[in-house]
Amino acid sequence: MKHYVHKNQGTCSLQVEFDLDDQGKLHNVAFLSGCDGNLKAISKLIEGSDAKEVADRLLGNTCGYRPTSCADQLARGIMEAIAD
């Protein structure tokens, strides 16, 4: 299992950390700062899920007037990890 840290841009959350196992499954997703309850819920909902599938679903999600969101930033971090 490999650990990744993505520095978020344009969101209340400063960063997101997660582990990616050898089968491409997400584990231990944790956001630093942001909307605590919502971000904990996202983490619980995607635990053990296929990383590529999660990224495909969340990429492009926006928050209010912002062109990104914490979910979108997670998707971007996942895509970077997959490319690694």
C-alpha atoms as a PDB file:
ATOM      1  CA  MET A   1       0.000   0.000   0.000  1.00  0.00           C
ATOM      2  CA  LYS A   2       1.322   3.444  -0.917  1.00  0.00           C
ATOM      3  CA  HIS A   3       0.457   6.713   0.859  1.00  0.00           C
ATOM      4  CA  TYR A   4      -0.309   9.896  -1.101  1.00  0.00           C
ATOM      5  CA  VAL A   5      -0.759  13.540  -0.081  1.00  0.00           C
ATOM      6  CA  HIS A   6      -2.424  16.042  -2.417  1.00  0.00           C
ATOM      7  CA  LYS A   7      -2.239  19.778  -1.635  1.00  0.00           C
ATOM      8  CA  ASN A   8      -5.682  21.144  -2.474  1.00  0.00           C
ATOM      9  CA  GLN A   9      -6.120  24.360  -4.441  1.00  0.00           C
ATOM     10  CA  GLY A  10      -9.182  26.601  -4.362  1.00  0.00           C
ATOM     11  CA  THR A  11     -10.967  24.855  -1.493  1.00  0.00           C
ATOM     12  CA  CYS A  12     -11.445  25.303   2.254  1.00  0.00           C
ATOM     13  CA  SER A  13      -9.702  21.978   2.737  1.00  0.00           C
ATOM     14  CA  LEU A  14      -5.921  22.351   2.615  1.00  0.00           C
ATOM     15  CA  GLN A  15      -5.016  18.815   1.593  1.00  0.00           C
ATOM     16  CA  VAL A  16      -6.258  15.269   1.233  1.00  0.00           C
ATOM     17  CA  GLU A  17      -4.320  12.119   2.115  1.00  0.00           C
ATOM     18  CA  PHE A  18      -5.112   8.563   1.105  1.00  0.00           C
ATOM     19  CA  ASP A  19      -3.635   5.126   0.628  1.00  0.00           C
ATOM     20  CA  LEU A  20      -3.801   3.190  -2.623  1.00  0.00           C
ATOM     21  CA  ASP A  21      -3.372  -0.581  -2.475  1.00  0.00           C
ATOM     22  CA  ASP A  22      -1.968  -2.894  -5.146  1.00  0.00           C
ATOM     23  CA  GLN A  23      -5.456  -3.560  -6.535  1.00  0.00           C
ATOM     24  CA  GLY A  24      -6.160   0.162  -7.020  1.00  0.00           C
ATOM     25  CA  LYS A  25      -8.490   0.463  -4.026  1.00  0.00           C
ATOM     26  CA  LEU A  26      -8.685   3.565  -1.812  1.00  0.00           C
ATOM     27  CA  HIS A  27      -8.136   3.448   1.939  1.00  0.00           C
ATOM     28  CA  ASN A  28      -7.738   5.878   4.836  1.00  0.00           C
ATOM     29  CA  VAL A  29      -8.941   8.982   2.984  1.00  0.00           C
ATOM     30  CA  ALA A  30      -8.585  12.030   5.247  1.00  0.00           C
ATOM     31  CA  PHE A  31      -8.994  15.738   4.542  1.00  0.00           C
ATOM     32  CA  LEU A  32      -7.217  18.503   6.446  1.00  0.00           C
ATOM     33  CA  SER A  33      -9.676  21.292   7.275  1.00  0.00           C
ATOM     34  CA  GLY A  34     -12.872  21.936   5.311  1.00  0.00           C
ATOM     35  CA  CYS A  35     -16.449  20.839   6.030  1.00  0.00           C
ATOM     36  CA  ASP A  36     -15.644  18.156   8.582  1.00  0.00           C
ATOM     37  CA  GLY A  37     -18.874  16.147   8.536  1.00  0.00           C
ATOM     38  CA  ASN A  38     -19.250  16.091   4.763  1.00  0.00           C
ATOM     39  CA  LEU A  39     -15.627  15.178   4.169  1.00  0.00           C
ATOM     40  CA  LYS A  40     -15.728  12.391   6.760  1.00  0.00           C
ATOM     41  CA  ALA A  41     -18.837  11.063   4.998  1.00  0.00           C
ATOM     42  CA  ILE A  42     -17.106  11.081   1.606  1.00  0.00           C
ATOM     43  CA  SER A  43     -14.174   9.211   3.148  1.00  0.00           C
ATOM     44  CA  LYS A  44     -16.453   6.542   4.615  1.00  0.00           C
ATOM     45  CA  LEU A  45     -18.450   6.154   1.404  1.00  0.00           C
ATOM     46  CA  ILE A  46     -15.402   5.550  -0.783  1.00  0.00           C
ATOM     47  CA  GLU A  47     -13.360   3.362   1.605  1.00  0.00           C
ATOM     48  CA  GLY A  48     -12.263   0.259  -0.326  1.00  0.00           C
ATOM     49  CA  SER A  49     -13.607   1.578  -3.639  1.00  0.00           C
ATOM     50  CA  ASP A  50     -11.827   1.452  -6.968  1.00  0.00           C
ATOM     51  CA  ALA A  51      -9.716   4.621  -7.194  1.00  0.00           C
ATOM     52  CA  LYS A  52     -10.246   5.182 -10.933  1.00  0.00           C
ATOM     53  CA  GLU A  53     -14.017   4.825 -10.582  1.00  0.00           C
ATOM     54  CA  VAL A  54     -14.087   7.319  -7.686  1.00  0.00           C
ATOM     55  CA  ALA A  55     -11.961   9.809  -9.633  1.00  0.00           C
ATOM     56  CA  ASP A  56     -14.218   9.491 -12.696  1.00  0.00           C
ATOM     57  CA  ARG A  57     -17.312  10.193 -10.570  1.00  0.00           C
ATOM     58  CA  LEU A  58     -15.899  13.149  -8.630  1.00  0.00           C
ATOM     59  CA  LEU A  59     -13.746  14.925 -11.225  1.00  0.00           C
ATOM     60  CA  GLY A  60     -15.282  18.271 -12.168  1.00  0.00           C
ATOM     61  CA  ASN A  61     -17.554  18.534  -9.117  1.00  0.00           C
ATOM     62  CA  THR A  62     -17.846  22.192  -8.087  1.00  0.00           C
ATOM     63  CA  CYS A  63     -18.641  23.984  -4.816  1.00  0.00           C
ATOM     64  CA  GLY A  64     -20.801  27.099  -5.083  1.00  0.00           C
ATOM     65  CA  TYR A  65     -19.137  29.691  -7.293  1.00  0.00           C
ATOM     66  CA  ARG A  66     -15.767  27.901  -7.183  1.00  0.00           C
ATOM     67  CA  PRO A  67     -14.569  25.963 -10.234  1.00  0.00           C
ATOM     68  CA  THR A  68     -13.480  23.077  -7.977  1.00  0.00           C
ATOM     69  CA  SER A  69     -14.453  21.342  -4.724  1.00  0.00           C
ATOM     70  CA  CYS A  70     -12.896  19.098  -2.116  1.00  0.00           C
ATOM     71  CA  ALA A  71     -14.283  16.099  -4.024  1.00  0.00           C
ATOM     72  CA  ASP A  72     -12.778  17.413  -7.269  1.00  0.00           C
ATOM     73  CA  GLN A  73      -9.434  17.936  -5.539  1.00  0.00           C
ATOM     74  CA  LEU A  74      -9.577  14.356  -4.233  1.00  0.00           C
ATOM     75  CA  ALA A  75     -10.225  13.161  -7.799  1.00  0.00           C
ATOM     76  CA  ARG A  76      -7.226  15.149  -9.034  1.00  0.00           C
ATOM     77  CA  GLY A  77      -5.054  13.660  -6.315  1.00  0.00           C
ATOM     78  CA  ILE A  78      -6.218  10.164  -7.216  1.00  0.00           C
ATOM     79  CA  MET A  79      -5.431  10.739 -10.885  1.00  0.00           C
ATOM     80  CA  GLU A  80      -1.905  11.910  -9.941  1.00  0.00           C
ATOM     81  CA  ALA A  81      -1.458   8.806  -7.783  1.00  0.00           C
ATOM     82  CA  ILE A  82      -2.647   6.487 -10.557  1.00  0.00           C
ATOM     83  CA  ALA A  83      -0.237   8.128 -13.002  1.00  0.00           C
ATOM     84  CA  ASP A  84       2.635   7.682 -10.498  1.00  0.00           C
END
